[in-house]
C-alpha atoms as a PDB file:
ATOM      1  CA  MET A   1     -15.503   9.165  18.928  1.00  0.00           C
ATOM      2  CA  ASP A   2     -17.462   6.078  17.800  1.00  0.00           C
ATOM      3  CA  ASN A   3     -17.613   7.583  14.247  1.00  0.00           C
ATOM      4  CA  VAL A   4     -13.786   8.304  13.941  1.00  0.00           C
ATOM      5  CA  THR A   5     -11.837   6.206  11.385  1.00  0.00           C
ATOM      6  CA  VAL A   6      -8.304   5.387  11.547  1.00  0.00           C
ATOM      7  CA  ALA A   7      -6.909   4.242   8.117  1.00  0.00           C
ATOM      8  CA  ILE A   8      -3.755   2.227   8.105  1.00  0.00           C
ATOM      9  CA  VAL A   9      -2.259   2.397   4.423  1.00  0.00           C
ATOM     10  CA  TYR A  10       0.255  -0.081   3.297  1.00  0.00           C
ATOM     11  CA  ASP A  11       2.554  -0.597   0.285  1.00  0.00           C
ATOM     12  CA  PHE A  12       2.663  -4.289  -0.498  1.00  0.00           C
ATOM     13  CA  ASP A  13       5.755  -5.341  -1.846  1.00  0.00           C
ATOM     14  CA  GLY A  14       8.597  -5.305   0.617  1.00  0.00           C
ATOM     15  CA  THR A  15       5.760  -3.837   3.183  1.00  0.00           C
ATOM     16  CA  LEU A  16       3.688  -6.885   3.822  1.00  0.00           C
ATOM     17  CA  SER A  17       5.480  -9.390   1.444  1.00  0.00           C
ATOM     18  CA  PRO A  18       9.173  -9.973   0.797  1.00  0.00           C
ATOM     19  CA  GLY A  19      10.160  -9.425  -2.723  1.00  0.00           C
ATOM     20  CA  ASN A  20       7.874  -8.319  -5.604  1.00  0.00           C
ATOM     21  CA  MET A  21       4.781 -10.357  -6.342  1.00  0.00           C
ATOM     22  CA  GLN A  22       5.582 -10.990 -10.043  1.00  0.00           C
ATOM     23  CA  GLU A  23       8.625 -13.022  -8.896  1.00  0.00           C
ATOM     24  CA  TYR A  24       6.786 -15.758  -7.079  1.00  0.00           C
ATOM     25  CA  ASP A  25       4.788 -17.195 -10.105  1.00  0.00           C
ATOM     26  CA  PHE A  26       4.693 -14.946 -13.196  1.00  0.00           C
ATOM     27  CA  ILE A  27       8.235 -14.302 -14.083  1.00  0.00           C
ATOM     28  CA  PRO A  28       9.344 -18.137 -13.910  1.00  0.00           C
ATOM     29  CA  SER A  29       6.245 -18.990 -16.024  1.00  0.00           C
ATOM     30  CA  VAL A  30       7.639 -16.794 -18.874  1.00  0.00           C
ATOM     31  CA  GLY A  31      11.030 -18.623 -18.746  1.00  0.00           C
ATOM     32  CA  LYS A  32      12.905 -15.588 -17.146  1.00  0.00           C
ATOM     33  CA  ASN A  33      14.802 -15.104 -13.985  1.00  0.00           C
ATOM     34  CA  ASN A  34      14.191 -11.892 -11.848  1.00  0.00           C
ATOM     35  CA  GLU A  35      17.163 -10.128 -12.877  1.00  0.00           C
ATOM     36  CA  GLN A  36      16.584 -10.625 -16.558  1.00  0.00           C
ATOM     37  CA  PHE A  37      13.068  -9.425 -16.218  1.00  0.00           C
ATOM     38  CA  TRP A  38      13.856  -6.430 -14.246  1.00  0.00           C
ATOM     39  CA  ASP A  39      17.155  -5.349 -16.007  1.00  0.00           C
ATOM     40  CA  TYR A  40      15.579  -5.400 -19.485  1.00  0.00           C
ATOM     41  CA  THR A  41      12.355  -3.684 -18.193  1.00  0.00           C
ATOM     42  CA  ASN A  42      14.603  -0.804 -16.648  1.00  0.00           C
ATOM     43  CA  SER A  43      16.820  -0.520 -19.626  1.00  0.00           C
ATOM     44  CA  ILE A  44      13.835  -0.047 -21.922  1.00  0.00           C
ATOM     45  CA  ALA A  45      12.318   2.475 -19.551  1.00  0.00           C
ATOM     46  CA  ARG A  46      15.798   4.167 -19.362  1.00  0.00           C
ATOM     47  CA  GLU A  47      16.405   4.332 -23.052  1.00  0.00           C
ATOM     48  CA  GLN A  48      13.074   5.597 -24.051  1.00  0.00           C
ATOM     49  CA  ASP A  49      12.547   7.880 -20.892  1.00  0.00           C
ATOM     50  CA  ALA A  50       9.429   6.003 -20.015  1.00  0.00           C
ATOM     51  CA  ASP A  51       7.695   5.440 -16.617  1.00  0.00           C
ATOM     52  CA  PRO A  52       9.238   2.082 -15.389  1.00  0.00           C
ATOM     53  CA  ILE A  53       5.910   1.169 -14.060  1.00  0.00           C
ATOM     54  CA  LEU A  54       4.102   1.316 -17.288  1.00  0.00           C
ATOM     55  CA  VAL A  55       6.943  -0.558 -19.164  1.00  0.00           C
ATOM     56  CA  TYR A  56       6.802  -3.538 -16.740  1.00  0.00           C
ATOM     57  CA  LEU A  57       3.003  -3.823 -17.176  1.00  0.00           C
ATOM     58  CA  TRP A  58       3.574  -3.711 -21.112  1.00  0.00           C
ATOM     59  CA  ARG A  59       6.454  -6.272 -20.680  1.00  0.00           C
ATOM     60  CA  MET A  60       4.177  -8.605 -18.790  1.00  0.00           C
ATOM     61  CA  ILE A  61       1.798  -8.585 -21.736  1.00  0.00           C
ATOM     62  CA  ARG A  62       4.345  -9.010 -24.164  1.00  0.00           C
ATOM     63  CA  GLU A  63       6.169 -11.922 -22.467  1.00  0.00           C
ATOM     64  CA  ALA A  64       2.751 -13.874 -21.964  1.00  0.00           C
ATOM     65  CA  GLN A  65       1.832 -13.230 -25.456  1.00  0.00           C
ATOM     66  CA  SER A  66       5.398 -14.749 -26.635  1.00  0.00           C
ATOM     67  CA  LYS A  67       4.908 -17.929 -24.611  1.00  0.00           C
ATOM     68  CA  GLU A  68       1.223 -18.111 -25.554  1.00  0.00           C
ATOM     69  CA  LEU A  69       0.292 -18.098 -21.923  1.00  0.00           C
ATOM     70  CA  PRO A  70      -3.416 -17.108 -20.575  1.00  0.00           C
ATOM     71  CA  ILE A  71      -3.248 -13.796 -19.219  1.00  0.00           C
ATOM     72  CA  LYS A  72      -7.015 -13.303 -18.101  1.00  0.00           C
ATOM     73  CA  ARG A  73      -7.857 -11.583 -14.745  1.00  0.00           C
ATOM     74  CA  GLU A  74      -8.247 -14.895 -13.131  1.00  0.00           C
ATOM     75  CA  ASP A  75      -4.789 -16.075 -14.180  1.00  0.00           C
ATOM     76  CA  PHE A  76      -3.399 -12.963 -12.120  1.00  0.00           C
ATOM     77  CA  VAL A  77      -5.659 -13.765  -9.217  1.00  0.00           C
ATOM     78  CA  ASN A  78      -4.467 -17.194  -9.278  1.00  0.00           C
ATOM     79  CA  SER A  79      -0.973 -16.213  -9.538  1.00  0.00           C
ATOM     80  CA  GLY A  80      -1.378 -14.108  -6.384  1.00  0.00           C
ATOM     81  CA  ARG A  81      -2.135 -17.122  -4.245  1.00  0.00           C
ATOM     82  CA  ASN A  82       1.505 -18.009  -4.243  1.00  0.00           C
ATOM     83  CA  ILE A  83       2.655 -14.806  -2.782  1.00  0.00           C
ATOM     84  CA  LYS A  84       4.487 -15.112   0.666  1.00  0.00           C
ATOM     85  CA  LEU A  85       3.649 -12.775   3.512  1.00  0.00           C
ATOM     86  CA  PHE A  86       5.868 -11.439   6.476  1.00  0.00           C
ATOM     87  CA  LYS A  87       5.657 -13.088   9.849  1.00  0.00           C
ATOM     88  CA  GLY A  88       2.251 -12.133  11.651  1.00  0.00           C
ATOM     89  CA  VAL A  89       0.754 -10.434   8.639  1.00  0.00           C
ATOM     90  CA  ARG A  90      -2.263 -12.917   8.486  1.00  0.00           C
ATOM     91  CA  ASP A  91      -3.303 -12.300  12.203  1.00  0.00           C
ATOM     92  CA  TRP A  92      -2.418  -8.632  12.152  1.00  0.00           C
ATOM     93  CA  PHE A  93      -5.632  -7.064  10.831  1.00  0.00           C
ATOM     94  CA  GLY A  94      -8.138  -8.774  13.243  1.00  0.00           C
ATOM     95  CA  ARG A  95      -5.929  -8.188  16.161  1.00  0.00           C
ATOM     96  CA  ILE A  96      -5.494  -4.309  15.214  1.00  0.00           C
ATOM     97  CA  ASN A  97      -9.212  -3.977  14.391  1.00  0.00           C
ATOM     98  CA  SER A  98     -10.090  -5.247  17.890  1.00  0.00           C
ATOM     99  CA  TYR A  99      -7.551  -3.158  19.650  1.00  0.00           C
ATOM    100  CA  GLY A 100      -8.973  -0.013  17.846  1.00  0.00           C
ATOM    101  CA  ALA A 101     -12.445  -1.084  18.703  1.00  0.00           C
ATOM    102  CA  SER A 102     -11.313  -1.245  22.224  1.00  0.00           C
ATOM    103  CA  GLN A 103     -10.382   2.332  22.109  1.00  0.00           C
ATOM    104  CA  GLY A 104     -13.697   3.418  20.488  1.00  0.00           C
ATOM    105  CA  LEU A 105     -12.191   3.755  16.938  1.00  0.00           C
ATOM    106  CA  ASN A 106     -12.941   2.085  13.629  1.00  0.00           C
ATOM    107  CA  ILE A 107      -9.933   0.718  11.864  1.00  0.00           C
ATOM    108  CA  GLU A 108      -9.811   0.552   8.012  1.00  0.00           C
ATOM    109  CA  HIS A 109      -6.992  -0.833   5.972  1.00  0.00           C
ATOM    110  CA  TYR A 110      -5.938   0.033   2.371  1.00  0.00           C
ATOM    111  CA  ILE A 111      -3.290  -0.776  -0.269  1.00  0.00           C
ATOM    112  CA  ILE A 112      -1.449   1.683  -2.371  1.00  0.00           C
ATOM    113  CA  SER A 113       0.905  -0.369  -4.363  1.00  0.00           C
ATOM    114  CA  SER A 114       2.936  -0.210  -7.562  1.00  0.00           C
ATOM    115  CA  GLY A 115       2.223  -4.070  -7.736  1.00  0.00           C
ATOM    116  CA  MET A 116      -0.659  -5.539  -9.411  1.00  0.00           C
ATOM    117  CA  LYS A 117      -4.273  -5.286  -7.893  1.00  0.00           C
ATOM    118  CA  GLU A 118      -5.362  -8.641  -9.494  1.00  0.00           C
ATOM    119  CA  MET A 119      -2.583 -10.323  -7.818  1.00  0.00           C
ATOM    120  CA  ILE A 120      -3.187  -8.838  -4.435  1.00  0.00           C
ATOM    121  CA  GLU A 121      -6.714  -9.932  -4.806  1.00  0.00           C
ATOM    122  CA  GLY A 122      -5.578 -13.455  -4.921  1.00  0.00           C
ATOM    123  CA  THR A 123      -3.983 -13.453  -1.537  1.00  0.00           C
ATOM    124  CA  ASP A 124      -5.716 -14.718   1.455  1.00  0.00           C
ATOM    125  CA  ILE A 125      -5.662 -11.227   3.084  1.00  0.00           C
ATOM    126  CA  ALA A 126      -7.268  -9.467   0.238  1.00  0.00           C
ATOM    127  CA  ARG A 127     -10.701  -9.366   2.191  1.00  0.00           C
ATOM    128  CA  GLU A 128      -8.964  -7.217   5.091  1.00  0.00           C
ATOM    129  CA  PHE A 129      -8.672  -4.083   2.853  1.00  0.00           C
ATOM    130  CA  LYS A 130     -11.615  -1.684   2.416  1.00  0.00           C
ATOM    131  CA  GLN A 131      -9.885  -0.485  -0.897  1.00  0.00           C
ATOM    132  CA  ILE A 132      -6.878  -1.783  -3.032  1.00  0.00           C
ATOM    133  CA  TYR A 133      -5.432   0.889  -5.227  1.00  0.00           C
ATOM    134  CA  ALA A 134      -2.714  -0.697  -7.317  1.00  0.00           C
ATOM    135  CA  CYS A 135      -1.611  -1.237 -10.964  1.00  0.00           C
ATOM    136  CA  SER A 136      -4.202  -3.138 -13.145  1.00  0.00           C
ATOM    137  CA  PHE A 137      -5.065  -4.192 -16.784  1.00  0.00           C
ATOM    138  CA  LEU A 138      -7.782  -3.305 -19.245  1.00  0.00           C
ATOM    139  CA  TYR A 139      -9.315  -6.650 -20.841  1.00  0.00           C
ATOM    140  CA  ASP A 140     -10.568  -7.210 -24.286  1.00  0.00           C
ATOM    141  CA  GLU A 141     -13.719  -8.895 -25.317  1.00  0.00           C
ATOM    142  CA  ASN A 142     -12.230 -12.248 -24.664  1.00  0.00           C
ATOM    143  CA  GLY A 143     -11.196 -11.133 -21.091  1.00  0.00           C
ATOM    144  CA  VAL A 144      -7.410 -11.098 -22.064  1.00  0.00           C
ATOM    145  CA  ALA A 145      -5.302  -8.504 -20.675  1.00  0.00           C
ATOM    146  CA  CYS A 146      -4.516  -5.874 -23.604  1.00  0.00           C
ATOM    147  CA  TRP A 147      -3.517  -2.553 -21.841  1.00  0.00           C
ATOM    148  CA  PRO A 148      -2.613  -0.966 -18.710  1.00  0.00           C
ATOM    149  CA  ALA A 149      -5.755   0.426 -16.999  1.00  0.00           C
ATOM    150  CA  VAL A 150      -4.160   1.935 -13.813  1.00  0.00           C
ATOM    151  CA  SER A 151      -0.424   2.738 -13.222  1.00  0.00           C
ATOM    152  CA  VAL A 152       0.587   3.592  -9.782  1.00  0.00           C
ATOM    153  CA  ASN A 153       4.182   5.060  -9.417  1.00  0.00           C
ATOM    154  CA  TYR A 154       6.349   6.856  -6.964  1.00  0.00           C
ATOM    155  CA  THR A 155       4.648  10.192  -6.949  1.00  0.00           C
ATOM    156  CA  ASN A 156       1.107   9.539  -8.063  1.00  0.00           C
ATOM    157  CA  LYS A 157       0.773   7.387  -5.036  1.00  0.00           C
ATOM    158  CA  THR A 158       0.002  10.339  -3.137  1.00  0.00           C
ATOM    159  CA  GLN A 159      -3.400  11.044  -5.109  1.00  0.00           C
ATOM    160  CA  PHE A 160      -4.796   7.934  -3.426  1.00  0.00           C
ATOM    161  CA  ILE A 161      -3.868   9.239   0.178  1.00  0.00           C
ATOM    162  CA  PHE A 162      -6.162  12.065  -0.852  1.00  0.00           C
ATOM    163  CA  LYS A 163      -8.915   9.795  -1.947  1.00  0.00           C
ATOM    164  CA  ILE A 164      -8.742   7.913   1.226  1.00  0.00           C
ATOM    165  CA  ASN A 165      -8.848  11.335   3.189  1.00  0.00           C
ATOM    166  CA  LYS A 166     -11.990  12.257   1.243  1.00  0.00           C
ATOM    167  CA  GLY A 167     -13.685   8.969   1.128  1.00  0.00           C
ATOM    168  CA  ILE A 168     -13.281   8.334  -2.564  1.00  0.00           C
ATOM    169  CA  ASP A 169     -12.843   4.755  -3.408  1.00  0.00           C
ATOM    170  CA  SER A 170     -13.026   5.137  -7.155  1.00  0.00           C
ATOM    171  CA  VAL A 171      -9.923   5.466  -9.460  1.00  0.00           C
ATOM    172  CA  PHE A 172     -12.025   7.031 -12.089  1.00  0.00           C
ATOM    173  CA  GLU A 173     -13.634   9.688  -9.992  1.00  0.00           C
ATOM    174  CA  SER A 174     -11.717  12.921 -10.488  1.00  0.00           C
ATOM    175  CA  LYS A 175     -14.274  15.701  -9.658  1.00  0.00           C
ATOM    176  CA  LEU A 176     -14.793  15.015  -6.054  1.00  0.00           C
ATOM    177  CA  ILE A 177     -11.168  14.931  -5.197  1.00  0.00           C
ATOM    178  CA  ASN A 178     -11.004  18.764  -5.938  1.00  0.00           C
ATOM    179  CA  LYS A 179     -13.954  19.613  -4.130  1.00  0.00           C
ATOM    180  CA  PHE A 180     -13.144  21.861  -1.063  1.00  0.00           C
ATOM    181  CA  VAL A 181     -14.075  19.983   2.058  1.00  0.00           C
ATOM    182  CA  PRO A 182     -12.840  21.238   5.553  1.00  0.00           C
ATOM    183  CA  GLU A 183     -10.411  18.786   7.054  1.00  0.00           C
ATOM    184  CA  GLU A 184     -12.533  18.291  10.154  1.00  0.00           C
ATOM    185  CA  ASP A 185     -15.325  17.079   7.928  1.00  0.00           C
ATOM    186  CA  ARG A 186     -13.299  14.541   5.871  1.00  0.00           C
ATOM    187  CA  PRO A 187     -14.161  10.950   6.485  1.00  0.00           C
ATOM    188  CA  VAL A 188     -10.391  10.042   7.272  1.00  0.00           C
ATOM    189  CA  GLN A 189      -8.482  12.939   8.789  1.00  0.00           C
ATOM    190  CA  PHE A 190      -4.727  13.008   8.036  1.00  0.00           C
ATOM    191  CA  ARG A 191      -3.801  12.842  11.646  1.00  0.00           C
ATOM    192  CA  HIS A 192      -5.654   9.489  11.749  1.00  0.00           C
ATOM    193  CA  MET A 193      -3.632   7.979   9.033  1.00  0.00           C
ATOM    194  CA  ILE A 194      -0.826   5.461   9.631  1.00  0.00           C
ATOM    195  CA  TYR A 195       1.381   4.856   6.393  1.00  0.00           C
ATOM    196  CA  PHE A 196       3.599   1.667   6.095  1.00  0.00           C
ATOM    197  CA  GLY A 197       6.231   1.716   3.397  1.00  0.00           C
ATOM    198  CA  ASP A 198       9.649   0.008   2.606  1.00  0.00           C
ATOM    199  CA  GLY A 199      11.776   2.438   0.914  1.00  0.00           C
ATOM    200  CA  THR A 200      12.196   5.121  -1.966  1.00  0.00           C
ATOM    201  CA  THR A 201       8.829   4.356  -3.927  1.00  0.00           C
ATOM    202  CA  ASP A 202       6.879   5.198  -0.571  1.00  0.00           C
ATOM    203  CA  ILE A 203       8.807   8.470   0.318  1.00  0.00           C
ATOM    204  CA  PRO A 204       6.252  10.768  -1.065  1.00  0.00           C
ATOM    205  CA  CYS A 205       3.566   9.274   0.766  1.00  0.00           C
ATOM    206  CA  MET A 206       5.313   8.836   4.024  1.00  0.00           C
ATOM    207  CA  LYS A 207       6.453  12.417   3.765  1.00  0.00           C
ATOM    208  CA  LEU A 208       2.977  13.658   3.087  1.00  0.00           C
ATOM    209  CA  VAL A 209       1.413  11.846   5.886  1.00  0.00           C
ATOM    210  CA  LYS A 210       3.966  12.793   8.492  1.00  0.00           C
ATOM    211  CA  GLU A 211       3.623  16.394   7.338  1.00  0.00           C
ATOM    212  CA  LYS A 212       0.002  16.274   7.809  1.00  0.00           C
ATOM    213  CA  ASN A 213       0.373  15.077  11.481  1.00  0.00           C
ATOM    214  CA  GLY A 214      -0.215  11.425  10.811  1.00  0.00           C
ATOM    215  CA  HIS A 215       2.187   8.636  11.336  1.00  0.00           C
ATOM    216  CA  SER A 216       4.663   7.100   8.661  1.00  0.00           C
ATOM    217  CA  ILE A 217       6.557   3.703   9.332  1.00  0.00           C
ATOM    218  CA  ALA A 218       9.370   2.518   7.186  1.00  0.00           C
ATOM    219  CA  VAL A 219       9.681  -1.180   7.400  1.00  0.00           C
ATOM    220  CA  TYR A 220      12.611  -3.479   6.144  1.00  0.00           C
ATOM    221  CA  ASN A 221      12.881  -7.387   5.705  1.00  0.00           C
ATOM    222  CA  PRO A 222      14.130  -8.790   8.994  1.00  0.00           C
ATOM    223  CA  GLU A 223      16.629 -11.007   6.989  1.00  0.00           C
ATOM    224  CA  CYS A 224      18.322  -8.138   5.215  1.00  0.00           C
ATOM    225  CA  GLY A 225      18.528  -5.322   7.996  1.00  0.00           C
ATOM    226  CA  PRO A 226      17.451  -1.725   7.544  1.00  0.00           C
ATOM    227  CA  GLY A 227      19.975  -0.839   4.691  1.00  0.00           C
ATOM    228  CA  GLY A 228      20.017   2.782   5.489  1.00  0.00           C
ATOM    229  CA  LEU A 229      16.295   3.453   6.048  1.00  0.00           C
ATOM    230  CA  GLU A 230      17.504   5.185   9.383  1.00  0.00           C
ATOM    231  CA  ASN A 231      18.315   8.114   7.037  1.00  0.00           C
ATOM    232  CA  LEU A 232      14.608   8.648   6.597  1.00  0.00           C
ATOM    233  CA  ILE A 233      14.135   9.672  10.111  1.00  0.00           C
ATOM    234  CA  LYS A 234      17.171  11.886   9.839  1.00  0.00           C
ATOM    235  CA  ASP A 235      15.753  13.536   6.826  1.00  0.00           C
ATOM    236  CA  ASN A 236      12.422  14.076   8.373  1.00  0.00           C
ATOM    237  CA  ARG A 237      10.531  11.767   6.083  1.00  0.00           C
ATOM    238  CA  VAL A 238       9.148   9.203   8.563  1.00  0.00           C
ATOM    239  CA  ASN A 239       8.411   8.941  12.007  1.00  0.00           C
ATOM    240  CA  TYR A 240       9.652   5.359  12.790  1.00  0.00           C
ATOM    241  CA  VAL A 241      11.775   2.470  11.260  1.00  0.00           C
ATOM    242  CA  CYS A 242      10.877  -1.214  12.326  1.00  0.00           C
ATOM    243  CA  SER A 243      11.497  -4.836  11.145  1.00  0.00           C
ATOM    244  CA  ALA A 244       8.545  -6.048   9.047  1.00  0.00           C
ATOM    245  CA  ASP A 245       7.478  -8.450  11.852  1.00  0.00           C
ATOM    246  CA  TYR A 246       3.706  -8.267  12.492  1.00  0.00           C
ATOM    247  CA  THR A 247       3.528 -10.691  15.360  1.00  0.00           C
ATOM    248  CA  GLU A 248       1.542 -10.081  18.579  1.00  0.00           C
ATOM    249  CA  ASN A 249       3.530  -7.738  21.102  1.00  0.00           C
ATOM    250  CA  GLY A 250       6.304  -7.359  18.436  1.00  0.00           C
ATOM    251  CA  GLU A 251       7.872  -3.946  17.899  1.00  0.00           C
ATOM    252  CA  ILE A 252       5.317  -2.864  14.977  1.00  0.00           C
ATOM    253  CA  ASP A 253       2.327  -4.390  17.010  1.00  0.00           C
ATOM    254  CA  ASN A 254       3.202  -2.335  20.257  1.00  0.00           C
ATOM    255  CA  LEU A 255       4.049   0.762  18.060  1.00  0.00           C
ATOM    256  CA  VAL A 256       0.750   0.845  16.214  1.00  0.00           C
ATOM    257  CA  LYS A 257      -1.173   0.157  19.405  1.00  0.00           C
ATOM    258  CA  ALA A 258       0.657   3.046  20.959  1.00  0.00           C
ATOM    259  CA  ILE A 259      -0.294   5.384  17.974  1.00  0.00           C
ATOM    260  CA  ILE A 260      -4.124   4.245  18.349  1.00  0.00           C
ATOM    261  CA  ASN A 261      -3.616   5.057  21.882  1.00  0.00           C
ATOM    262  CA  LYS A 262      -2.338   8.516  21.136  1.00  0.00           C
ATOM    263  CA  ILE A 263      -5.428   9.225  18.711  1.00  0.00           C
ATOM    264  CA  HIS A 264      -7.609   8.155  21.347  1.00  0.00           C
ATOM    265  CA  ALA A 265      -6.079  10.523  23.863  1.00  0.00           C
ATOM    266  CA  ASP A 266      -6.019  13.384  21.386  1.00  0.00           C
ATOM    267  CA  LEU A 267      -9.631  12.992  20.747  1.00  0.00           C
ATOM    268  CA  VAL A 268     -10.541  12.966  24.555  1.00  0.00           C
ATOM    269  CA  LEU A 269      -8.443  15.842  24.965  1.00  0.00           C
ATOM    270  CA  LYS A 270     -10.251  17.650  22.171  1.00  0.00           C
ATOM    271  CA  GLU A 271     -13.503  16.980  23.716  1.00  0.00           C
ATOM    272  CA  TYR A 272     -12.505  18.463  26.929  1.00  0.00           C
ATOM    273  CA  THR A 273     -11.163  21.547  25.077  1.00  0.00           C
ATOM    274  CA  GLU A 274     -14.464  22.088  23.331  1.00  0.00           C
ATOM    275  CA  LYS A 275     -16.327  21.524  26.489  1.00  0.00           C
ATOM    276  CA  ASN A 276     -14.326  24.411  28.268  1.00  0.00           C
ATOM    277  CA  ARG A 277     -14.523  26.556  25.246  1.00  0.00           C
END
């Protein structure tokens, strides 16, 4: 059991942080308000039948260039330092890691986000994640962002669930992901996954993890209410819906500890079954 890993996988915007990460610093810096930036981005994507994620990455480059703003990697990282987090998030990781260890389990944390990897790396919780799968840029010879390197949209998020399942950290690696490995031999089995998301962009991942006997949790901003997320349970897409409050002894804290208890109990019962067999 000491070798069993439980992967807790998170979306970022709306899951660990209220709002979109670009709204804290970048969008105001190019002289736009949130509505202007996103409405125009979505209108271009709609008119040209394009991926909205790729279009927002393109627009970030164009807006920064028009204002002659620096858009090097460190600028995005510095922008990420301004991102706000939901209550209890900063203490969450150490607390859950310790609880998992008390049950003989190794806890790993991952991000799968349509937001920007560079900005997430600027937050003070970046060190908590084994891997951050998120949108990012290519940089030219001067270190300036020039083209999208990775785009993480609604359905292609699921590829990273399989990468976690097979222990593949690289975005570039595409051969090992298709190699057959029995589920029992994979570094992180699906039933040992917990996925956190906040809405429609996370539905493919939440549904996948749930169908593979893992646990999916839809969260909502405590200031806004669930906003219909309960339908995800009715539609059999998630296991639970909770307010995004990560404080000790809160609903999420107690729920995840209960899931860890269940994983531990299932492993103990599996050992008894194998002995009796």
